[in-house]
Protein backbone atom coordinates (compact mmCIF):
# COMPACT_ATOMS: atom_id res chain seq x y z
CA UNK A 1 138.50 18.86 106.08
CA UNK A 2 138.65 17.45 102.82
CA UNK A 3 135.39 15.59 101.83
CA UNK A 4 135.63 11.83 101.44
CA UNK A 5 133.91 9.53 99.43
CA UNK A 6 131.44 6.98 100.46
CA UNK A 7 133.85 4.20 100.72
CA UNK A 8 136.68 6.24 102.63
CA UNK A 9 133.93 7.28 105.22
CA UNK A 10 132.73 4.05 105.63
CA UNK A 11 136.44 2.46 105.73
CA UNK A 12 137.11 5.21 108.44
CA UNK A 13 134.77 3.67 111.11
CA UNK A 14 135.77 -0.29 109.72
CA UNK A 15 132.63 -0.66 107.89
CA UNK A 16 132.91 -2.90 104.87
CA UNK A 17 129.63 -1.85 103.13
CA UNK A 18 126.93 0.40 103.76
CA UNK A 19 124.85 -0.89 106.54
CA UNK A 20 122.05 1.61 105.47
CA UNK A 21 121.79 1.01 101.78
CA UNK A 22 119.07 -1.66 101.70
CA UNK A 23 115.47 -1.66 103.01
CA UNK A 24 114.10 -4.52 100.89
CA UNK A 25 114.40 -8.12 103.01
CA UNK A 26 114.90 -9.49 99.28
CA UNK A 27 117.85 -7.69 98.67
CA UNK A 28 119.50 -8.28 101.79
CA UNK A 29 122.06 -10.98 101.37
CA UNK A 30 123.12 -11.18 104.81
CA UNK A 31 119.91 -10.76 106.51
CA UNK A 32 120.16 -14.07 108.64
CA UNK A 33 123.16 -12.73 110.44
CA UNK A 34 121.46 -9.82 111.77
CA UNK A 35 117.87 -10.84 111.85
CA UNK A 36 116.12 -9.83 115.22
CA UNK A 37 113.04 -12.56 115.93
CA UNK A 38 109.86 -11.41 117.00
CA UNK A 39 108.69 -12.89 120.08
CA UNK A 40 106.51 -15.09 118.42
CA UNK A 41 108.54 -16.36 115.04
CA UNK A 42 108.88 -19.76 116.39
CA UNK A 43 105.33 -20.11 116.15
CA UNK A 44 105.24 -18.59 112.77
CA UNK A 45 108.40 -20.90 111.41
CA UNK A 46 106.01 -23.57 113.12
CA UNK A 47 107.01 -27.28 113.35
CA UNK A 48 107.16 -28.99 109.65
CA UNK A 49 105.98 -32.40 111.40
CA UNK A 50 102.76 -30.56 112.08
CA UNK A 51 102.37 -27.42 109.55
CA UNK A 52 99.78 -25.18 110.61
CA UNK A 53 98.72 -21.91 109.05
CA UNK A 54 99.11 -18.49 110.60
CA UNK A 55 98.77 -14.67 109.88
CA UNK A 56 101.33 -11.88 110.56
CA UNK A 57 99.55 -8.18 110.77
CA UNK A 58 102.17 -5.66 110.55
CA UNK A 59 102.64 -1.91 109.39
CA UNK A 60 104.61 -1.21 106.28
CA UNK A 61 108.47 -1.29 106.79
CA UNK A 62 108.24 -3.52 110.13
CA UNK A 63 109.60 -6.52 108.85
CA UNK A 64 106.96 -8.79 107.20
CA UNK A 65 109.08 -9.46 104.12
CA UNK A 66 111.86 -10.13 106.29
CA UNK A 67 110.13 -12.69 108.34
CA UNK A 68 108.84 -14.37 105.30
CA UNK A 69 112.54 -15.12 104.01
CA UNK A 70 113.70 -16.25 107.34
CA UNK A 71 110.88 -18.66 107.02
CA UNK A 72 112.44 -19.49 103.45
CA UNK A 73 115.98 -19.37 105.28
CA UNK A 74 115.10 -21.57 108.02
CA UNK A 75 113.13 -24.42 106.24
CA UNK A 76 114.99 -27.54 105.50
CA UNK A 77 114.58 -28.51 101.61
CA UNK A 78 114.62 -31.95 102.15
CA UNK A 79 111.49 -31.51 104.71
CA UNK A 80 109.49 -28.26 103.82
CA UNK A 81 109.01 -27.29 100.29
CA UNK A 82 108.40 -23.47 100.36
CA UNK A 83 106.62 -21.52 97.74
CA UNK A 84 106.36 -17.70 97.91
CA UNK A 85 103.00 -16.35 96.86
CA UNK A 86 103.54 -12.78 96.06
CA UNK A 87 102.95 -12.43 92.13
CA UNK A 88 98.94 -12.89 91.77
CA UNK A 89 99.33 -12.36 88.05
CA UNK A 90 96.57 -15.08 86.43
CA UNK A 91 97.34 -16.96 83.10
CA UNK A 92 96.31 -14.01 80.97
CA UNK A 93 99.09 -11.59 82.93
CA UNK A 94 96.54 -9.57 85.09
CA UNK A 95 96.07 -9.19 88.85
CA UNK A 96 92.47 -9.58 89.14
CA UNK A 97 91.71 -7.78 92.61
CA UNK A 98 88.38 -9.91 92.87
CA UNK A 99 90.27 -12.89 92.58
CA UNK A 100 88.37 -16.45 93.35
CA UNK A 101 89.55 -19.00 95.67
CA UNK A 102 89.94 -21.26 92.48
CA UNK A 103 91.80 -18.85 91.01
CA UNK A 104 94.79 -18.63 94.21
CA UNK A 105 94.36 -22.22 94.39
CA UNK A 106 95.30 -22.31 90.27
CA UNK A 107 98.34 -20.35 91.30
CA UNK A 108 99.47 -22.32 94.57
CA UNK A 109 98.85 -25.63 92.43
CA UNK A 110 101.40 -24.11 89.43
CA UNK A 111 104.15 -23.04 91.85
CA UNK A 112 103.77 -26.36 93.88
CA UNK A 113 104.33 -28.52 90.61
CA UNK A 114 107.12 -26.49 89.71
CA UNK A 115 108.54 -26.93 93.11
CA UNK A 116 108.20 -30.65 93.07
CA UNK A 117 109.56 -31.37 89.70
CA UNK A 118 112.85 -28.92 90.63
CA UNK A 119 113.32 -30.84 93.80
CA UNK A 120 112.98 -34.13 91.48
CA UNK A 121 115.87 -32.83 89.21
CA UNK A 122 118.46 -33.38 91.93
CA UNK A 123 116.46 -35.88 93.84
CA UNK A 124 115.46 -38.36 90.84
CA UNK A 125 115.92 -41.55 93.14
CA UNK A 126 113.19 -40.29 95.21
CA UNK A 127 110.63 -40.49 92.28
CA UNK A 128 110.93 -44.12 92.35
CA UNK A 129 109.03 -44.35 95.54
CA UNK A 130 106.02 -42.89 93.66
CA UNK A 131 103.27 -45.16 92.59
CA UNK A 132 102.46 -45.77 88.93
CA UNK A 133 99.37 -43.73 89.73
CA UNK A 134 100.92 -41.01 91.13
CA UNK A 135 103.30 -40.53 88.28
CA UNK A 136 100.63 -40.41 86.07
CA UNK A 137 99.00 -37.77 88.39
CA UNK A 138 101.98 -35.68 88.43
CA UNK A 139 102.58 -36.11 84.71
CA UNK A 140 99.02 -34.93 84.09
CA UNK A 141 98.81 -31.97 86.88
CA UNK A 142 102.26 -30.63 85.03
CA UNK A 143 100.99 -30.80 81.45
CA UNK A 144 97.26 -29.14 82.72
CA UNK A 145 98.85 -26.61 84.42
CA UNK A 146 102.37 -26.00 82.55
CA UNK A 147 101.39 -26.96 78.98
CA UNK A 148 101.02 -23.53 77.92
CA UNK A 149 102.90 -21.65 80.45
CA UNK A 150 105.39 -19.01 78.97
CA UNK A 151 109.13 -18.51 79.89
CA UNK A 152 108.34 -15.49 81.95
CA UNK A 153 105.59 -17.16 83.80
CA UNK A 154 108.19 -20.19 84.44
CA UNK A 155 111.00 -17.56 85.56
CA UNK A 156 108.40 -16.37 87.98
CA UNK A 157 107.47 -19.90 89.60
CA UNK A 158 111.26 -20.76 89.84
CA UNK A 159 111.69 -17.71 91.73
CA UNK A 160 108.86 -18.23 93.97
CA UNK A 161 110.88 -21.56 95.11
CA UNK A 162 113.47 -19.97 97.69
CA UNK A 163 114.81 -22.77 99.88
CA UNK A 164 115.89 -25.01 96.90
CA UNK A 165 119.55 -24.79 95.66
CA UNK A 166 119.86 -22.79 92.40
CA UNK A 167 121.55 -25.63 90.77
CA UNK A 168 118.45 -27.45 91.03
CA UNK A 169 116.67 -24.88 89.04
CA UNK A 170 119.01 -24.94 86.06
CA UNK A 171 118.11 -28.20 84.90
CA UNK A 172 115.06 -26.27 83.44
CA UNK A 173 117.27 -24.52 80.96
CA UNK A 174 119.56 -27.39 80.39
CA UNK A 175 116.94 -29.52 79.15
CA UNK A 176 114.73 -27.04 77.46
CA UNK A 177 112.85 -26.95 80.95
CA UNK A 178 112.02 -30.16 82.70
CA UNK A 179 108.45 -29.86 81.52
CA UNK A 180 109.87 -31.06 77.93
CA UNK A 181 111.05 -34.39 79.46
CA UNK A 182 108.13 -34.81 80.99
CA UNK A 183 105.59 -34.62 78.06
CA UNK A 184 107.91 -36.49 75.75
CA UNK A 185 108.47 -39.27 78.35
CA UNK A 186 111.96 -39.04 78.71
CA UNK A 187 113.50 -40.00 82.15
CA UNK A 188 115.76 -37.03 82.77
CA UNK A 189 116.03 -36.15 86.53
CA UNK A 190 112.26 -37.21 86.99
CA UNK A 191 112.60 -40.64 88.84
CA UNK A 192 110.96 -42.48 85.87
CA UNK A 193 108.08 -40.13 85.42
CA UNK A 194 106.46 -40.66 81.96
CA UNK A 195 107.15 -44.35 81.62
CA UNK A 196 109.46 -43.94 78.79
CA UNK A 197 106.56 -43.67 76.45
CA UNK A 198 105.01 -40.50 74.90
CA UNK A 199 101.86 -39.03 76.81
CA UNK A 200 98.44 -40.59 75.36
CA UNK A 201 96.34 -37.76 73.65
CA UNK A 202 94.00 -37.44 76.11
CA UNK A 203 96.74 -36.31 78.70
CA UNK A 204 96.89 -33.03 76.36
CA UNK A 205 93.11 -32.46 77.02
CA UNK A 206 93.45 -33.50 80.77
CA UNK A 207 91.68 -30.92 83.12
CA UNK A 208 91.50 -31.12 86.74
CA UNK A 209 89.99 -28.56 89.46
CA UNK A 210 92.35 -26.59 91.18
CA UNK A 211 91.31 -28.17 94.40
CA UNK A 212 91.96 -31.65 92.91
CA UNK A 213 95.21 -30.87 92.10
CA UNK A 214 96.21 -29.21 95.25
CA UNK A 215 95.07 -32.48 96.98
CA UNK A 216 96.82 -34.81 94.41
CA UNK A 217 99.97 -32.73 94.66
CA UNK A 218 99.85 -33.11 98.77
CA UNK A 219 99.80 -36.94 98.32
CA UNK A 220 102.75 -36.86 96.18
CA UNK A 221 104.56 -34.57 98.39
CA UNK A 222 104.33 -36.85 101.13
CA UNK A 223 105.53 -39.85 99.11
CA UNK A 224 108.49 -37.92 98.35
CA UNK A 225 109.15 -37.47 101.66
CA UNK A 226 107.91 -33.81 102.49
CA UNK A 227 106.57 -33.11 105.55
CA UNK A 228 105.04 -29.78 105.03
CA UNK A 229 104.21 -27.58 101.76
CA UNK A 230 104.72 -23.96 103.31
CA UNK A 231 102.89 -21.52 101.02
CA UNK A 232 104.03 -17.86 102.11
CA UNK A 233 101.66 -14.91 100.94
CA UNK A 234 103.58 -11.53 100.53
CA UNK A 235 103.53 -8.37 99.15
CA UNK A 236 99.55 -7.78 98.76
CA UNK A 237 99.99 -3.88 98.76
CA UNK A 238 102.73 -3.70 96.17
CA UNK A 239 100.61 -3.91 93.01
CA UNK A 240 99.45 -0.90 90.94
CA UNK A 241 96.06 -1.72 92.09
CA UNK A 242 96.55 -2.44 95.87
CA UNK A 243 99.53 0.02 96.61
CA UNK A 244 97.17 2.61 97.69
CA UNK A 245 94.11 1.24 98.39
CA UNK A 246 93.61 -0.77 101.61
CA UNK A 247 90.13 -2.24 100.52
CA UNK A 248 91.58 -3.68 97.49
CA UNK A 249 94.41 -5.45 98.89
CA UNK A 250 92.08 -7.21 101.40
CA UNK A 251 89.73 -8.09 98.46
CA UNK A 252 92.90 -9.54 96.78
CA UNK A 253 93.55 -12.17 99.31
CA UNK A 254 90.24 -12.39 101.27
CA UNK A 255 89.23 -15.88 99.30
CA UNK A 256 92.73 -17.51 100.95
CA UNK A 257 91.99 -15.98 104.49
CA UNK A 258 88.60 -17.21 105.13
CA UNK A 259 89.02 -20.69 103.31
CA UNK A 260 89.40 -22.63 106.71
CA UNK A 261 88.99 -25.65 104.72
CA UNK A 262 92.20 -25.12 102.44
CA UNK A 263 94.01 -23.34 105.63
CA UNK A 264 93.86 -26.47 107.49
CA UNK A 265 94.46 -28.79 104.74
CA UNK A 266 97.84 -30.63 105.62
CA UNK A 267 100.65 -30.99 104.48
CA UNK A 268 99.95 -27.52 103.39
CA UNK A 269 100.72 -24.15 105.97
CA UNK A 270 99.60 -21.14 104.44
CA UNK A 271 101.42 -18.15 106.09
CA UNK A 272 100.31 -14.52 105.73
CA UNK A 273 102.27 -11.86 106.06
CA UNK A 274 100.34 -8.95 105.38
CA UNK A 275 99.57 -5.36 106.27
CA UNK A 276 97.94 -4.37 109.56
CA UNK A 277 95.39 -1.97 108.17
CA UNK A 278 93.67 -4.94 106.75
CA UNK A 279 92.95 -6.91 110.12
CA UNK A 280 89.79 -4.69 110.66
CA UNK A 281 88.09 -5.89 107.42
CA UNK A 282 89.38 -9.48 108.15
CA UNK A 283 87.54 -9.21 111.66
CA UNK A 284 84.63 -7.69 110.54
CA UNK A 285 84.36 -10.17 107.74
CA UNK A 286 84.18 -13.13 110.09
CA UNK A 287 88.06 -13.94 110.49
CA UNK A 288 88.42 -17.12 112.34
CA UNK A 289 91.38 -16.01 114.77
CA UNK A 290 90.28 -19.18 117.23
CA UNK A 291 90.95 -21.35 114.34
CA UNK A 292 93.74 -19.70 112.73
CA UNK A 293 96.58 -18.21 114.80
CA UNK A 294 97.04 -14.21 114.35
CA UNK A 295 100.06 -12.44 115.16
CA UNK A 296 100.78 -8.62 115.02
CA UNK A 297 104.12 -7.11 114.72
CA UNK A 298 104.96 -4.17 116.74
CA UNK A 299 108.55 -3.29 117.37
CA UNK A 300 110.09 -1.63 120.78
CA UNK A 301 112.99 0.88 120.46
CA UNK A 302 115.17 -1.38 122.39
CA UNK A 303 114.22 -4.26 119.58
CA UNK A 304 115.02 -1.89 116.71
CA UNK A 305 118.21 -0.71 118.43
CA UNK A 306 119.06 -4.32 118.85
CA UNK A 307 118.65 -4.72 115.19
CA UNK A 308 120.65 -2.12 113.92
CA UNK A 309 123.53 -2.86 116.35
CA UNK A 310 123.52 -6.44 114.55
CA UNK A 311 123.53 -4.61 111.21
CA UNK A 312 126.80 -2.73 112.10
CA UNK A 313 128.65 -5.44 113.53
CA UNK A 314 127.81 -7.53 110.58
CA UNK A 315 128.71 -4.80 108.23
CA UNK A 316 131.98 -3.92 110.48
CA UNK A 317 133.19 -7.52 111.03
CA UNK A 318 132.76 -7.21 114.75
CA UNK A 319 134.21 -3.93 115.01
CA UNK A 320 130.94 -2.05 115.84
CA UNK A 321 127.93 -2.84 117.65
CA UNK A 322 125.88 0.32 118.34
CA UNK A 323 124.65 3.24 116.47
CA UNK A 324 126.74 5.64 119.08
CA UNK A 325 129.53 4.60 117.38
CA UNK A 326 128.99 6.35 114.04
CA UNK A 327 128.16 9.85 115.61
CA UNK A 328 130.30 12.72 115.81
CA UNK A 329 132.04 12.76 119.29
CA UNK A 330 131.38 16.55 119.48
CA UNK A 331 127.52 15.50 119.75
CA UNK A 332 125.28 13.69 122.32
CA UNK A 333 124.73 10.41 120.34
CA UNK A 334 121.67 10.00 122.77
CA UNK A 335 120.07 12.81 120.91
CA UNK A 336 120.68 11.42 117.69
CA UNK A 337 119.29 8.39 118.07
CA UNK A 338 116.37 9.33 120.02
CA UNK A 339 115.28 11.88 117.14
CA UNK A 340 115.77 9.01 114.78
CA UNK A 341 113.85 6.54 116.76
CA UNK A 342 110.88 9.31 116.76
CA UNK A 343 110.30 9.49 113.23
CA UNK A 344 110.96 5.80 112.51
CA UNK A 345 107.53 5.14 114.62
CA UNK A 346 108.59 1.89 115.35
CA UNK A 347 109.51 0.68 111.66
CA UNK A 348 112.73 -1.03 111.19
CA UNK A 349 112.89 0.21 107.40
CA UNK A 350 112.28 3.99 108.13
CA UNK A 351 115.28 3.91 110.68
CA UNK A 352 117.51 2.16 108.48
CA UNK A 353 116.20 5.08 106.03
CA UNK A 354 116.73 7.93 108.37
CA UNK A 355 120.13 6.66 109.39
CA UNK A 356 120.90 6.34 105.30
CA UNK A 357 119.78 9.69 105.02
CA UNK A 358 121.70 11.43 107.86
CA UNK A 359 124.60 9.79 106.03
CA UNK A 360 124.03 11.33 102.88
CA UNK A 361 123.95 14.52 104.53
CA UNK A 362 126.97 14.18 106.44
CA UNK A 363 129.00 13.50 103.27
CA UNK A 364 127.28 16.94 101.66
CA UNK A 365 128.84 18.80 104.30
CA UNK A 366 132.47 19.88 104.25
CA UNK A 367 133.31 18.63 107.25
CA UNK A 368 132.55 14.75 106.40
CA UNK A 369 134.19 13.24 109.54
CA UNK A 370 134.31 11.68 112.31
CA UNK A 371 131.05 11.06 112.45
CA UNK A 372 127.25 12.14 111.84
CA UNK A 373 126.52 15.31 113.59
CA UNK A 374 123.19 16.30 115.48
CA UNK A 375 122.70 18.94 112.35
CA UNK A 376 123.21 16.49 109.60
CA UNK A 377 120.26 14.00 111.53
CA UNK A 378 118.24 17.06 111.74
CA UNK A 379 118.13 17.70 107.96
CA UNK A 380 117.87 14.01 107.35
CA UNK A 381 115.00 13.83 109.37
CA UNK A 382 113.16 16.63 107.75
CA UNK A 383 113.93 15.29 104.35
CA UNK A 384 112.82 11.84 105.56
CA UNK A 385 109.60 13.10 106.97
CA UNK A 386 108.72 14.97 103.86
CA UNK A 387 109.03 11.52 101.77
CA UNK A 388 107.50 9.28 104.06
CA UNK A 389 104.39 11.94 104.54
CA UNK A 390 103.84 12.12 100.91
CA UNK A 391 104.18 7.88 100.85
CA UNK A 392 101.50 7.73 103.48
CA UNK A 393 99.17 10.54 102.42
CA UNK A 394 99.79 11.34 98.93
CA UNK A 395 100.92 14.90 97.84
CA UNK A 396 96.96 16.16 97.56
CA UNK A 397 95.87 14.79 100.63
CA UNK A 398 99.33 16.63 102.51
CA UNK A 399 98.20 20.05 100.94
CA UNK A 400 94.91 20.04 102.14
CA UNK A 401 96.17 18.77 105.80
CA UNK A 402 98.58 21.67 105.69
CA UNK A 403 95.99 24.23 104.91
CA UNK A 404 94.45 23.07 107.70
CA UNK A 405 97.12 24.19 109.83
CA UNK A 406 96.25 22.45 113.07
CA UNK A 407 97.05 18.75 113.93
CA UNK A 408 93.42 18.00 115.67
CA UNK A 409 90.12 19.28 114.09
CA UNK A 410 86.75 18.58 113.72
CA UNK A 411 84.29 17.38 110.57
CA UNK A 412 82.85 20.94 110.39
CA UNK A 413 86.33 22.48 110.57
CA UNK A 414 87.55 20.35 107.19
CA UNK A 415 84.30 21.09 105.70
CA UNK A 416 84.13 24.48 106.01
CA UNK A 417 87.55 26.15 106.39
CA UNK A 418 89.80 23.73 103.93
CA UNK A 419 87.64 21.59 101.58
CA UNK A 420 84.75 24.03 101.21
CA UNK A 421 82.12 21.12 100.92
CA UNK A 422 79.18 19.50 102.44
CA UNK A 423 79.72 17.84 105.87
CA UNK A 424 79.08 14.07 104.38
CA UNK A 425 81.81 14.79 101.84
CA UNK A 426 84.08 16.27 104.47
CA UNK A 427 83.45 13.13 106.39
CA UNK A 428 84.16 10.68 103.67
CA UNK A 429 87.62 12.58 103.12
CA UNK A 430 88.35 12.13 107.03
CA UNK A 431 87.46 8.44 106.67
CA UNK A 432 89.97 8.04 103.83
CA UNK A 433 92.35 9.86 105.94
CA UNK A 434 91.77 7.21 108.53
CA UNK A 435 92.12 3.89 106.59
CA UNK A 436 95.40 5.35 105.44
CA UNK A 437 96.46 5.57 109.25
CA UNK A 438 96.97 9.23 109.02
CA UNK A 439 94.60 10.64 111.43
CA UNK A 440 91.98 9.12 114.27
CA UNK A 441 89.24 9.86 116.49
CA UNK A 442 90.55 10.99 119.67
CA UNK A 443 87.37 12.15 121.56
CA UNK A 444 84.34 14.17 121.34
CA UNK A 445 84.18 18.07 121.87
CA UNK A 446 81.10 19.70 123.45
CA UNK A 447 78.98 21.41 121.09
CA UNK A 448 76.46 22.94 123.75
CA UNK A 449 72.92 21.61 123.61
CA UNK A 450 73.72 19.90 120.26
CA UNK A 451 75.42 16.83 119.38
CA UNK A 452 78.88 16.60 120.27
CA UNK A 453 81.66 17.17 117.35
CA UNK A 454 84.00 13.89 116.65
CA UNK A 455 87.19 14.99 117.42
CA UNK A 456 90.05 13.87 115.21
CA UNK A 457 94.17 14.25 115.35
CA UNK A 458 96.88 13.45 113.07
CA UNK A 459 98.56 10.31 114.20
CA UNK A 460 101.30 10.04 111.86
CA UNK A 461 104.41 12.19 113.16
CA UNK A 462 105.93 12.43 109.59
CA UNK A 463 102.53 13.98 107.97
CA UNK A 464 102.17 16.22 110.97
CA UNK A 465 105.90 17.55 110.44
CA UNK A 466 105.67 18.00 106.91
CA UNK A 467 102.34 20.23 107.51
CA UNK A 468 104.47 22.51 109.38
CA UNK A 469 107.44 23.55 106.82
CA UNK A 470 107.95 27.08 108.58
CA UNK A 471 108.75 25.75 111.94
CA UNK A 472 112.10 24.35 112.76
CA UNK A 473 112.20 20.66 113.95
CA UNK A 474 112.70 21.47 117.74
CA UNK A 475 109.60 23.90 117.38
CA UNK A 476 107.39 21.73 116.05
CA UNK A 477 108.59 18.71 118.28
CA UNK A 478 107.93 21.52 121.45
CA UNK A 479 104.48 22.74 120.08
CA UNK A 480 102.62 19.31 118.52
CA UNK A 481 104.27 16.29 119.89
CA UNK A 482 104.19 14.89 123.50
CA UNK A 483 105.67 11.74 124.52
CA UNK A 484 104.24 8.57 126.22
CA UNK A 485 107.27 6.80 127.70
CA UNK A 486 105.01 3.50 128.83
CA UNK A 487 104.43 2.61 125.19
CA UNK A 488 106.86 4.36 123.33
CA UNK A 489 104.53 6.43 121.36
CA UNK A 490 103.70 10.07 120.59
CA UNK A 491 100.43 12.08 120.89
CA UNK A 492 100.06 15.16 118.48
CA UNK A 493 98.08 18.07 119.48
CA UNK A 494 98.31 21.89 119.10
CA UNK A 495 99.92 22.71 122.36
CA UNK A 496 100.89 26.09 121.11
CA UNK A 497 97.36 27.36 120.43
CA UNK A 498 95.88 27.76 124.00
CA UNK A 499 92.14 28.18 122.66
CA UNK A 500 92.76 24.29 121.44
CA UNK A 501 91.48 21.19 123.47
CA UNK A 502 94.80 19.28 123.92
CA UNK A 503 95.04 15.95 124.86
CA UNK A 504 96.40 15.25 128.32
CA UNK A 505 97.13 11.57 128.31
CA UNK A 506 98.37 9.07 125.83
CA UNK A 507 95.52 8.06 123.20
CA UNK A 508 96.89 4.67 123.24
CA UNK A 509 97.58 3.54 126.78
CA UNK A 510 96.02 6.55 128.70
CA UNK A 511 99.21 7.28 130.80
CA UNK A 512 100.69 10.93 131.28
CA UNK A 513 102.31 12.32 128.40
CA UNK A 514 105.64 13.98 128.95
CA UNK A 515 107.14 17.21 127.54
CA UNK A 516 110.34 16.30 125.81
CA UNK A 517 111.39 19.26 123.63
CA UNK A 518 111.04 22.81 125.16
CA UNK A 519 109.80 25.99 123.12
CA UNK A 520 113.34 27.25 123.13
CA UNK A 521 115.73 26.41 120.17
CA UNK A 522 117.99 23.43 120.69
CA UNK A 523 116.75 22.86 124.14
CA UNK A 524 115.96 19.54 125.10
């Protein structure tokens, strides 16, 4: 059959666009139409009349930014001012990993004052409710925080105000920024701020501590009718300093996460959307989950399938509602779906990536119709696993693990057989692998009369798959993976090595493990 273009292929299924194209929530224009709420999302969103801070811990790709975006979309602009705090640069344009609480307060105060001035640009009459002292205070805070702001800084601040209409932000360009009007005392869309007179000379030298600025802005926001100011903290692990360093990611926001006085200061509600691997550090450092609610995102397979079904439904104008409808009729759709779920590892983003890659593989074949085949899915999973393994483990770590040639091991095996280093150096390497979520201690092995050896295992299936490129996908699953039906998870082990000590129960819940793939190629 003649190969089809992507548009033609999608159109044959009634799809108006590629449902697997985007994996970044900020690029998804119709996110609200297919968003699947975690069980606690209503609590994360909260009640603007009673704003409370909270923390969402989730793995990468598990929908942290999607939840943050839905908070932005769901928060009424006349009741809640949403400021998204995901750019941690200071005035020098640097991101200090060891930011102080004053650094964060300064950034949040700057975003808040930009948000209030932007809101006033379309609700100018509301400014008449401000007292003369509040008007003076707002003007002075604007001068202090925005007086030397550059155009790029202003653009970044405006992008952080997500639940106000774009037309409200246009006034900054129309008037060479609202700030110009504030500083000159002109009453342009600011409810009379400035009083029609030029600011006094001491206004330009006015300095206010960041904490005091937040306090004053809270009072002004209440007077303007806001019930809450939501500060949404996201993308702490997406800077050059933090993307491969969990400790740095935690250190970046630790001052905010532990300042109870600020987190409980109404009308502010600080909502953190942060990677789950920083939770142990948060807890060990005295994190007060008894005062600030914490939520942990974990997707079950049926929830992932519901999410994919909704995506297909939206992108097909209601014609499709299940992944099986884009699978070749010559293959068992349940096989393709199951394999994709295995390697998605509970991640919505990774499941979308796998099906997007399967679509690419299908289009590469000469027979581009009538649906995605099992062969295309197998190629897609292998390609995805290699990509994801490098993202998780880095190429150098993956090389070391591949040389190891087994998914479970002891410290001495790593020290003597792979890295050829002292035992303590091997322990440090394994500790780094553990922090990255690549391996985990699964028990102890008897060492005769000596101390037991700690027994470690690779726990990420994508990394494990990439360690054995010579094996076919089915051979790998038969030799190295066992399924726990109780918690929809996989346990890795060297079942093809009769001399090894292989786990018999799930390392997460202790339930019996099942053999899903048989040793003979193609059986399942």
